[in-house]
Amino acid sequence: MNPNPHRSFESLRQASVRTGMSTKTLRRRIAAGELPAYRSGRLIRVDPTDVDALLVLVPTVGSVTTDGFTRRPATELSWVGDFVAGG
């Protein structure tokens, strides 16, 4: 039995427009084995969920990292203030 009977696919062009990644980048990810792709004749299709998985969150100041630590602005670190002030 198929656990996901309503699986959807999109063309590389559609994935490119939706994510802002070039089709060339998507093809490179497929060739590297980082993005599963499905072929039917000449058509190549990808699962939007697989494409979205290529996008990872970039940690920012104040965000909690995967190791559980919170990143703080450099200005909150005591030694940085001394360094910037020339002290």
N, C-alpha and C. Protein backbone atom coordinates (compact mmCIF):
# COMPACT_ATOMS: atom_id res chain seq x y z
N MET A 1 0.84 -1.17 0.00
CA MET A 1 0.00 0.00 0.00
C MET A 1 0.89 1.24 0.00
N ASN A 2 0.57 2.22 -0.80
CA ASN A 2 1.34 3.45 -0.91
C ASN A 2 1.01 4.38 0.26
N PRO A 3 2.01 4.76 1.10
CA PRO A 3 1.72 5.61 2.26
C PRO A 3 1.36 7.04 1.88
N ASN A 4 1.70 7.46 0.69
CA ASN A 4 1.41 8.83 0.25
C ASN A 4 0.77 8.79 -1.14
N PRO A 5 -0.54 8.51 -1.21
CA PRO A 5 -1.18 8.34 -2.51
C PRO A 5 -1.29 9.63 -3.32
N HIS A 6 -1.15 10.79 -2.69
CA HIS A 6 -1.31 12.06 -3.39
C HIS A 6 0.02 12.78 -3.56
N ARG A 7 1.06 12.04 -3.86
CA ARG A 7 2.39 12.62 -4.03
C ARG A 7 2.39 13.52 -5.25
N SER A 8 3.02 14.68 -5.12
CA SER A 8 3.03 15.61 -6.24
C SER A 8 4.47 15.80 -6.74
N PHE A 9 4.59 16.15 -7.99
CA PHE A 9 5.89 16.38 -8.60
C PHE A 9 5.85 17.69 -9.36
N GLU A 10 7.03 18.25 -9.59
CA GLU A 10 7.14 19.47 -10.38
C GLU A 10 8.33 19.35 -11.30
N SER A 11 8.30 20.12 -12.38
CA SER A 11 9.43 20.13 -13.31
C SER A 11 10.59 20.90 -12.68
N LEU A 12 11.77 20.75 -13.25
CA LEU A 12 12.91 21.51 -12.76
C LEU A 12 12.67 23.00 -12.91
N ARG A 13 12.01 23.39 -13.99
CA ARG A 13 11.71 24.81 -14.21
C ARG A 13 10.77 25.33 -13.13
N GLN A 14 9.73 24.56 -12.80
CA GLN A 14 8.80 24.98 -11.75
C GLN A 14 9.51 25.09 -10.41
N ALA A 15 10.37 24.11 -10.11
CA ALA A 15 11.12 24.14 -8.85
C ALA A 15 12.07 25.33 -8.82
N SER A 16 12.64 25.65 -9.96
CA SER A 16 13.56 26.78 -10.07
C SER A 16 12.84 28.10 -9.80
N VAL A 17 11.69 28.28 -10.41
CA VAL A 17 10.92 29.51 -10.22
C VAL A 17 10.44 29.61 -8.77
N ARG A 18 10.00 28.51 -8.20
CA ARG A 18 9.45 28.51 -6.85
C ARG A 18 10.51 28.81 -5.79
N THR A 19 11.73 28.28 -5.98
CA THR A 19 12.76 28.41 -4.95
C THR A 19 13.80 29.49 -5.24
N GLY A 20 13.92 29.89 -6.49
CA GLY A 20 14.95 30.85 -6.86
C GLY A 20 16.28 30.19 -7.18
N MET A 21 16.34 28.86 -7.12
CA MET A 21 17.55 28.13 -7.52
C MET A 21 17.52 27.94 -9.03
N SER A 22 18.67 27.98 -9.66
CA SER A 22 18.71 27.79 -11.11
C SER A 22 18.46 26.31 -11.43
N THR A 23 17.98 26.06 -12.64
CA THR A 23 17.79 24.68 -13.06
C THR A 23 19.14 23.96 -13.14
N LYS A 24 20.19 24.69 -13.46
CA LYS A 24 21.53 24.10 -13.50
C LYS A 24 21.94 23.61 -12.12
N THR A 25 21.67 24.40 -11.08
CA THR A 25 21.97 23.99 -9.71
C THR A 25 21.17 22.75 -9.34
N LEU A 26 19.90 22.71 -9.70
CA LEU A 26 19.07 21.55 -9.41
C LEU A 26 19.61 20.31 -10.12
N ARG A 27 20.04 20.46 -11.37
CA ARG A 27 20.62 19.33 -12.11
C ARG A 27 21.91 18.85 -11.44
N ARG A 28 22.72 19.80 -10.95
CA ARG A 28 23.96 19.41 -10.24
C ARG A 28 23.64 18.64 -8.97
N ARG A 29 22.61 19.08 -8.25
CA ARG A 29 22.21 18.38 -7.02
C ARG A 29 21.71 16.98 -7.34
N ILE A 30 21.00 16.83 -8.44
CA ILE A 30 20.53 15.50 -8.87
C ILE A 30 21.73 14.62 -9.20
N ALA A 31 22.68 15.15 -9.97
CA ALA A 31 23.87 14.38 -10.37
C ALA A 31 24.71 13.97 -9.16
N ALA A 32 24.74 14.83 -8.13
CA ALA A 32 25.52 14.55 -6.93
C ALA A 32 24.79 13.59 -5.98
N GLY A 33 23.54 13.26 -6.30
CA GLY A 33 22.77 12.37 -5.45
C GLY A 33 22.12 13.08 -4.27
N GLU A 34 22.13 14.41 -4.28
CA GLU A 34 21.56 15.18 -3.18
C GLU A 34 20.06 15.45 -3.36
N LEU A 35 19.57 15.28 -4.58
CA LEU A 35 18.16 15.53 -4.88
C LEU A 35 17.61 14.36 -5.69
N PRO A 36 16.69 13.59 -5.11
CA PRO A 36 16.08 12.50 -5.88
C PRO A 36 15.27 13.06 -7.03
N ALA A 37 15.37 12.43 -8.18
CA ALA A 37 14.62 12.86 -9.35
C ALA A 37 14.00 11.65 -10.02
N TYR A 38 12.94 11.89 -10.76
CA TYR A 38 12.20 10.83 -11.41
C TYR A 38 12.06 11.17 -12.88
N ARG A 39 12.33 10.18 -13.72
CA ARG A 39 12.28 10.40 -15.16
C ARG A 39 11.16 9.56 -15.77
N SER A 40 10.46 10.19 -16.70
CA SER A 40 9.47 9.50 -17.51
C SER A 40 9.73 9.95 -18.94
N GLY A 41 10.42 9.10 -19.70
CA GLY A 41 10.83 9.50 -21.04
C GLY A 41 11.87 10.60 -20.94
N ARG A 42 11.60 11.74 -21.53
CA ARG A 42 12.51 12.88 -21.47
C ARG A 42 12.24 13.80 -20.28
N LEU A 43 11.10 13.60 -19.65
CA LEU A 43 10.70 14.49 -18.56
C LEU A 43 11.38 14.12 -17.26
N ILE A 44 11.91 15.13 -16.56
CA ILE A 44 12.48 14.93 -15.23
C ILE A 44 11.60 15.67 -14.24
N ARG A 45 11.21 14.98 -13.20
CA ARG A 45 10.36 15.57 -12.18
C ARG A 45 11.00 15.38 -10.81
N VAL A 46 10.73 16.34 -9.92
CA VAL A 46 11.22 16.27 -8.54
C VAL A 46 10.04 16.49 -7.61
N ASP A 47 10.18 15.95 -6.42
CA ASP A 47 9.17 16.14 -5.38
C ASP A 47 9.46 17.48 -4.71
N PRO A 48 8.48 18.40 -4.63
CA PRO A 48 8.71 19.69 -3.99
C PRO A 48 9.26 19.58 -2.58
N THR A 49 8.87 18.55 -1.84
CA THR A 49 9.38 18.36 -0.48
C THR A 49 10.88 18.09 -0.50
N ASP A 50 11.34 17.31 -1.48
CA ASP A 50 12.77 17.03 -1.61
C ASP A 50 13.55 18.29 -1.97
N VAL A 51 12.96 19.11 -2.83
CA VAL A 51 13.62 20.37 -3.21
C VAL A 51 13.70 21.29 -1.99
N ASP A 52 12.61 21.38 -1.25
CA ASP A 52 12.59 22.23 -0.05
C ASP A 52 13.62 21.78 0.97
N ALA A 53 13.89 20.48 1.02
CA ALA A 53 14.87 19.95 1.98
C ALA A 53 16.29 20.43 1.67
N LEU A 54 16.53 20.89 0.44
CA LEU A 54 17.85 21.44 0.10
C LEU A 54 18.08 22.78 0.79
N LEU A 55 17.01 23.46 1.13
CA LEU A 55 17.12 24.77 1.77
C LEU A 55 17.25 24.58 3.27
N VAL A 56 18.32 25.11 3.83
CA VAL A 56 18.54 25.00 5.27
C VAL A 56 18.53 26.39 5.89
N LEU A 57 18.06 26.46 7.11
CA LEU A 57 17.98 27.72 7.83
C LEU A 57 19.38 28.21 8.18
N VAL A 58 19.66 29.45 7.88
CA VAL A 58 20.94 30.06 8.22
C VAL A 58 20.80 30.67 9.61
N PRO A 59 21.65 30.25 10.54
CA PRO A 59 21.55 30.79 11.90
C PRO A 59 21.83 32.29 11.91
N THR A 60 21.06 33.01 12.70
CA THR A 60 21.24 34.45 12.81
C THR A 60 21.44 34.81 14.27
N VAL A 61 21.82 36.03 14.51
CA VAL A 61 22.03 36.50 15.87
C VAL A 61 20.73 36.34 16.65
N GLY A 62 20.83 35.74 17.82
CA GLY A 62 19.66 35.55 18.65
C GLY A 62 18.88 34.29 18.36
N SER A 63 19.26 33.55 17.32
CA SER A 63 18.54 32.31 17.04
C SER A 63 19.17 31.16 17.80
N VAL A 64 18.38 30.18 18.12
CA VAL A 64 18.87 29.01 18.83
C VAL A 64 19.42 28.05 17.79
N THR A 65 20.64 27.58 18.00
CA THR A 65 21.28 26.67 17.06
C THR A 65 20.85 25.24 17.34
N THR A 66 21.24 24.33 16.45
CA THR A 66 20.86 22.92 16.62
C THR A 66 21.50 22.31 17.85
N ASP A 67 22.60 22.88 18.34
CA ASP A 67 23.23 22.34 19.55
C ASP A 67 22.62 22.94 20.82
N GLY A 68 21.58 23.79 20.67
CA GLY A 68 20.88 24.33 21.82
C GLY A 68 21.41 25.64 22.35
N PHE A 69 22.48 26.15 21.77
CA PHE A 69 23.05 27.41 22.23
C PHE A 69 22.39 28.58 21.51
N THR A 70 22.29 29.70 22.17
CA THR A 70 21.74 30.91 21.57
C THR A 70 22.90 31.79 21.13
N ARG A 71 22.84 32.22 19.89
CA ARG A 71 23.88 33.13 19.40
C ARG A 71 23.56 34.53 19.90
N ARG A 72 24.60 35.23 20.36
CA ARG A 72 24.42 36.58 20.87
C ARG A 72 25.14 37.57 19.97
N PRO A 73 24.62 38.79 19.88
CA PRO A 73 25.32 39.81 19.09
C PRO A 73 26.71 40.03 19.65
N ALA A 74 27.66 40.32 18.79
CA ALA A 74 29.04 40.54 19.22
C ALA A 74 29.13 41.66 20.25
N THR A 75 28.24 42.63 20.19
CA THR A 75 28.29 43.75 21.13
C THR A 75 27.97 43.32 22.55
N GLU A 76 27.33 42.15 22.72
CA GLU A 76 27.01 41.65 24.04
C GLU A 76 28.19 40.91 24.68
N LEU A 77 29.21 40.63 23.91
CA LEU A 77 30.38 39.93 24.43
C LEU A 77 31.36 40.96 24.96
N SER A 78 31.76 40.81 26.21
CA SER A 78 32.57 41.84 26.87
C SER A 78 33.90 42.10 26.15
N TRP A 79 34.58 41.07 25.70
CA TRP A 79 35.89 41.29 25.07
C TRP A 79 35.78 41.99 23.72
N VAL A 80 34.64 41.85 23.04
CA VAL A 80 34.48 42.48 21.74
C VAL A 80 34.40 44.00 21.92
N GLY A 81 33.68 44.45 22.94
CA GLY A 81 33.58 45.89 23.19
C GLY A 81 34.94 46.51 23.43
N ASP A 82 35.78 45.82 24.19
CA ASP A 82 37.15 46.32 24.44
C ASP A 82 37.96 46.34 23.16
N PHE A 83 37.79 45.31 22.33
CA PHE A 83 38.55 45.23 21.10
C PHE A 83 38.13 46.33 20.13
N VAL A 84 36.83 46.54 20.01
CA VAL A 84 36.32 47.55 19.09
C VAL A 84 36.70 48.95 19.58
N ALA A 85 36.68 49.16 20.89
CA ALA A 85 37.00 50.48 21.45
C ALA A 85 38.51 50.73 21.46
N GLY A 86 39.30 49.72 21.14
CA GLY A 86 40.75 49.90 21.11
C GLY A 86 41.38 49.70 22.47
N GLY A 87 40.67 49.08 23.39
CA GLY A 87 41.16 48.94 24.75
C GLY A 87 41.78 47.65 25.02
